[in-house]
Amino acid sequence: MHKAITAQDFDLAGRIGIAAYRVANAHERRVLETYLGPNAARRAGLAPRP
């Protein structure tokens, strides 16, 4: 994710972050939400749609 951000490939960084979110623990998810935004769980397919 860091390499993708450094290369300014934000689409790839987002896809990597979403994939990582699916297997992350609670602390790692909070860190990823900093980068991915508050809808990270929904984008990862882990939260039900309202």
PDB file of N, CA and C in Angstrom:
ATOM      1  N   MET A   1       0.837  -1.172   0.000  1.00  0.00           N
ATOM      2  CA  MET A   1       0.000   0.000   0.000  1.00  0.00           C
ATOM      3  C   MET A   1       0.886   1.239   0.000  1.00  0.00           C
ATOM      4  N   HIS A   2       1.959   1.209   0.786  1.00  0.00           N
ATOM      5  CA  HIS A   2       2.872   2.355   0.858  1.00  0.00           C
ATOM      6  C   HIS A   2       3.516   2.618  -0.500  1.00  0.00           C
ATOM      7  N   LYS A   3       3.946   1.551  -1.193  1.00  0.00           N
ATOM      8  CA  LYS A   3       4.560   1.719  -2.506  1.00  0.00           C
ATOM      9  C   LYS A   3       3.566   2.300  -3.505  1.00  0.00           C
ATOM     10  N   ALA A   4       2.319   1.847  -3.442  1.00  0.00           N
ATOM     11  CA  ALA A   4       1.297   2.355  -4.358  1.00  0.00           C
ATOM     12  C   ALA A   4       1.018   3.833  -4.096  1.00  0.00           C
ATOM     13  N   ILE A   5       0.979   4.222  -2.819  1.00  0.00           N
ATOM     14  CA  ILE A   5       0.750   5.632  -2.485  1.00  0.00           C
ATOM     15  C   ILE A   5       1.935   6.478  -2.940  1.00  0.00           C
ATOM     16  N   THR A   6       3.147   5.968  -2.712  1.00  0.00           N
ATOM     17  CA  THR A   6       4.345   6.695  -3.139  1.00  0.00           C
ATOM     18  C   THR A   6       4.344   6.900  -4.651  1.00  0.00           C
ATOM     19  N   ALA A   7       3.881   5.890  -5.386  1.00  0.00           N
ATOM     20  CA  ALA A   7       3.799   5.992  -6.845  1.00  0.00           C
ATOM     21  C   ALA A   7       2.561   6.754  -7.300  1.00  0.00           C
ATOM     22  N   GLN A   8       1.772   7.234  -6.353  1.00  0.00           N
ATOM     23  CA  GLN A   8       0.527   7.972  -6.596  1.00  0.00           C
ATOM     24  C   GLN A   8      -0.488   7.142  -7.372  1.00  0.00           C
ATOM     25  N   ASP A   9      -0.483   5.844  -7.134  1.00  0.00           N
ATOM     26  CA  ASP A   9      -1.488   4.952  -7.714  1.00  0.00           C
ATOM     27  C   ASP A   9      -2.524   4.692  -6.624  1.00  0.00           C
ATOM     28  N   PHE A  10      -3.394   5.649  -6.432  1.00  0.00           N
ATOM     29  CA  PHE A  10      -4.337   5.606  -5.320  1.00  0.00           C
ATOM     30  C   PHE A  10      -5.426   4.549  -5.518  1.00  0.00           C
ATOM     31  N   ASP A  11      -5.743   4.220  -6.750  1.00  0.00           N
ATOM     32  CA  ASP A  11      -6.711   3.160  -7.000  1.00  0.00           C
ATOM     33  C   ASP A  11      -6.155   1.823  -6.510  1.00  0.00           C
ATOM     34  N   LEU A  12      -4.905   1.534  -6.835  1.00  0.00           N
ATOM     35  CA  LEU A  12      -4.262   0.303  -6.371  1.00  0.00           C
ATOM     36  C   LEU A  12      -4.127   0.312  -4.850  1.00  0.00           C
ATOM     37  N   ALA A  13      -3.765   1.430  -4.276  1.00  0.00           N
ATOM     38  CA  ALA A  13      -3.641   1.524  -2.814  1.00  0.00           C
ATOM     39  C   ALA A  13      -4.981   1.232  -2.145  1.00  0.00           C
ATOM     40  N   GLY A  14      -6.050   1.722  -2.713  1.00  0.00           N
ATOM     41  CA  GLY A  14      -7.386   1.453  -2.169  1.00  0.00           C
ATOM     42  C   GLY A  14      -7.760  -0.009  -2.245  1.00  0.00           C
ATOM     43  N   ARG A  15      -7.455  -0.646  -3.380  1.00  0.00           N
ATOM     44  CA  ARG A  15      -7.759  -2.081  -3.526  1.00  0.00           C
ATOM     45  C   ARG A  15      -6.947  -2.920  -2.551  1.00  0.00           C
ATOM     46  N   ILE A  16      -5.676  -2.570  -2.365  1.00  0.00           N
ATOM     47  CA  ILE A  16      -4.832  -3.286  -1.403  1.00  0.00           C
ATOM     48  C   ILE A  16      -5.377  -3.082   0.006  1.00  0.00           C
ATOM     49  N   GLY A  17      -5.753  -1.850   0.328  1.00  0.00           N
ATOM     50  CA  GLY A  17      -6.289  -1.555   1.655  1.00  0.00           C
ATOM     51  C   GLY A  17      -7.571  -2.307   1.951  1.00  0.00           C
ATOM     52  N   ILE A  18      -8.463  -2.399   0.977  1.00  0.00           N
ATOM     53  CA  ILE A  18      -9.719  -3.125   1.165  1.00  0.00           C
ATOM     54  C   ILE A  18      -9.445  -4.605   1.368  1.00  0.00           C
ATOM     55  N   ALA A  19      -8.522  -5.171   0.595  1.00  0.00           N
ATOM     56  CA  ALA A  19      -8.172  -6.580   0.772  1.00  0.00           C
ATOM     57  C   ALA A  19      -7.571  -6.811   2.153  1.00  0.00           C
ATOM     58  N   ALA A  20      -6.721  -5.912   2.603  1.00  0.00           N
ATOM     59  CA  ALA A  20      -6.107  -6.037   3.924  1.00  0.00           C
ATOM     60  C   ALA A  20      -7.144  -5.870   5.030  1.00  0.00           C
ATOM     61  N   TYR A  21      -8.127  -5.022   4.813  1.00  0.00           N
ATOM     62  CA  TYR A  21      -9.163  -4.774   5.822  1.00  0.00           C
ATOM     63  C   TYR A  21      -9.916  -6.052   6.152  1.00  0.00           C
ATOM     64  N   ARG A  22     -10.120  -6.890   5.152  1.00  0.00           N
ATOM     65  CA  ARG A  22     -10.888  -8.124   5.346  1.00  0.00           C
ATOM     66  C   ARG A  22     -10.221  -9.077   6.327  1.00  0.00           C
ATOM     67  N   VAL A  23      -8.896  -9.042   6.437  1.00  0.00           N
ATOM     68  CA  VAL A  23      -8.176  -9.981   7.301  1.00  0.00           C
ATOM     69  C   VAL A  23      -7.522  -9.296   8.498  1.00  0.00           C
ATOM     70  N   ALA A  24      -7.734  -8.004   8.658  1.00  0.00           N
ATOM     71  CA  ALA A  24      -7.074  -7.241   9.719  1.00  0.00           C
ATOM     72  C   ALA A  24      -7.758  -7.441  11.069  1.00  0.00           C
ATOM     73  N   ASN A  25      -6.974  -7.239  12.139  1.00  0.00           N
ATOM     74  CA  ASN A  25      -7.566  -7.248  13.477  1.00  0.00           C
ATOM     75  C   ASN A  25      -8.135  -5.854  13.768  1.00  0.00           C
ATOM     76  N   ALA A  26      -8.700  -5.664  14.943  1.00  0.00           N
ATOM     77  CA  ALA A  26      -9.394  -4.409  15.259  1.00  0.00           C
ATOM     78  C   ALA A  26      -8.463  -3.199  15.183  1.00  0.00           C
ATOM     79  N   HIS A  27      -7.257  -3.317  15.704  1.00  0.00           N
ATOM     80  CA  HIS A  27      -6.316  -2.186  15.668  1.00  0.00           C
ATOM     81  C   HIS A  27      -5.927  -1.857  14.223  1.00  0.00           C
ATOM     82  N   GLU A  28      -5.605  -2.887  13.449  1.00  0.00           N
ATOM     83  CA  GLU A  28      -5.229  -2.670  12.051  1.00  0.00           C
ATOM     84  C   GLU A  28      -6.383  -2.056  11.255  1.00  0.00           C
ATOM     85  N   ARG A  29      -7.609  -2.456  11.571  1.00  0.00           N
ATOM     86  CA  ARG A  29      -8.764  -1.879  10.876  1.00  0.00           C
ATOM     87  C   ARG A  29      -8.909  -0.395  11.181  1.00  0.00           C
ATOM     88  N   ARG A  30      -8.661  -0.001  12.416  1.00  0.00           N
ATOM     89  CA  ARG A  30      -8.729   1.437  12.750  1.00  0.00           C
ATOM     90  C   ARG A  30      -7.692   2.218  11.964  1.00  0.00           C
ATOM     91  N   VAL A  31      -6.495   1.650  11.817  1.00  0.00           N
ATOM     92  CA  VAL A  31      -5.450   2.319  11.033  1.00  0.00           C
ATOM     93  C   VAL A  31      -5.862   2.412   9.569  1.00  0.00           C
ATOM     94  N   LEU A  32      -6.373   1.318   9.011  1.00  0.00           N
ATOM     95  CA  LEU A  32      -6.801   1.330   7.613  1.00  0.00           C
ATOM     96  C   LEU A  32      -7.955   2.302   7.388  1.00  0.00           C
ATOM     97  N   GLU A  33      -8.846   2.433   8.356  1.00  0.00           N
ATOM     98  CA  GLU A  33      -9.958   3.381   8.220  1.00  0.00           C
ATOM     99  C   GLU A  33      -9.453   4.816   8.119  1.00  0.00           C
ATOM    100  N   THR A  34      -8.292   5.090   8.684  1.00  0.00           N
ATOM    101  CA  THR A  34      -7.680   6.412   8.550  1.00  0.00           C
ATOM    102  C   THR A  34      -7.411   6.713   7.080  1.00  0.00           C
ATOM    103  N   TYR A  35      -6.939   5.710   6.347  1.00  0.00           N
ATOM    104  CA  TYR A  35      -6.618   5.893   4.937  1.00  0.00           C
ATOM    105  C   TYR A  35      -7.820   5.705   4.025  1.00  0.00           C
ATOM    106  N   LEU A  36      -8.674   4.750   4.363  1.00  0.00           N
ATOM    107  CA  LEU A  36      -9.770   4.376   3.460  1.00  0.00           C
ATOM    108  C   LEU A  36     -11.072   5.116   3.722  1.00  0.00           C
ATOM    109  N   GLY A  37     -11.192   5.722   4.888  1.00  0.00           N
ATOM    110  CA  GLY A  37     -12.411   6.429   5.239  1.00  0.00           C
ATOM    111  C   GLY A  37     -13.330   5.573   6.086  1.00  0.00           C
ATOM    112  N   PRO A  38     -14.377   6.170   6.616  1.00  0.00           N
ATOM    113  CA  PRO A  38     -15.276   5.479   7.541  1.00  0.00           C
ATOM    114  C   PRO A  38     -16.113   4.384   6.890  1.00  0.00           C
ATOM    115  N   ASN A  39     -16.184   4.339   5.582  1.00  0.00           N
ATOM    116  CA  ASN A  39     -16.974   3.315   4.900  1.00  0.00           C
ATOM    117  C   ASN A  39     -16.130   2.116   4.483  1.00  0.00           C
ATOM    118  N   ALA A  40     -14.980   1.930   5.103  1.00  0.00           N
ATOM    119  CA  ALA A  40     -14.072   0.853   4.709  1.00  0.00           C
ATOM    120  C   ALA A  40     -14.731  -0.514   4.846  1.00  0.00           C
ATOM    121  N   ALA A  41     -15.469  -0.746   5.917  1.00  0.00           N
ATOM    122  CA  ALA A  41     -16.112  -2.050   6.115  1.00  0.00           C
ATOM    123  C   ALA A  41     -17.128  -2.310   5.007  1.00  0.00           C
ATOM    124  N   ARG A  42     -17.882  -1.325   4.642  1.00  0.00           N
ATOM    125  CA  ARG A  42     -18.872  -1.490   3.567  1.00  0.00           C
ATOM    126  C   ARG A  42     -18.170  -1.774   2.242  1.00  0.00           C
ATOM    127  N   ARG A  43     -17.078  -1.045   1.972  1.00  0.00           N
ATOM    128  CA  ARG A  43     -16.334  -1.260   0.731  1.00  0.00           C
ATOM    129  C   ARG A  43     -15.694  -2.635   0.696  1.00  0.00           C
ATOM    130  N   ALA A  44     -15.344  -3.171   1.877  1.00  0.00           N
ATOM    131  CA  ALA A  44     -14.759  -4.516   1.958  1.00  0.00           C
ATOM    132  C   ALA A  44     -15.822  -5.599   1.912  1.00  0.00           C
ATOM    133  N   GLY A  45     -17.088  -5.212   1.918  1.00  0.00           N
ATOM    134  CA  GLY A  45     -18.181  -6.167   1.864  1.00  0.00           C
ATOM    135  C   GLY A  45     -18.472  -6.819   3.210  1.00  0.00           C
ATOM    136  N   LEU A  46     -18.053  -6.179   4.309  1.00  0.00           N
ATOM    137  CA  LEU A  46     -18.239  -6.745   5.638  1.00  0.00           C
ATOM    138  C   LEU A  46     -19.372  -6.111   6.427  1.00  0.00           C
ATOM    139  N   ALA A  47     -19.951  -5.045   5.914  1.00  0.00           N
ATOM    140  CA  ALA A  47     -21.042  -4.370   6.628  1.00  0.00           C
ATOM    141  C   ALA A  47     -22.286  -4.415   5.747  1.00  0.00           C
ATOM    142  N   PRO A  48     -23.437  -4.637   6.371  1.00  0.00           N
ATOM    143  CA  PRO A  48     -24.683  -4.653   5.581  1.00  0.00           C
ATOM    144  C   PRO A  48     -25.026  -3.254   5.069  1.00  0.00           C
ATOM    145  N   ARG A  49     -25.626  -3.229   3.942  1.00  0.00           N
ATOM    146  CA  ARG A  49     -26.094  -1.940   3.385  1.00  0.00           C
ATOM    147  C   ARG A  49     -27.322  -1.487   4.148  1.00  0.00           C
ATOM    148  N   PRO A  50     -27.450  -0.168   4.374  1.00  0.00           N
ATOM    149  CA  PRO A  50     -28.633   0.319   5.105  1.00  0.00           C
ATOM    150  C   PRO A  50     -29.915   0.160   4.302  1.00  0.00           C
TER     151      PRO A  50
END
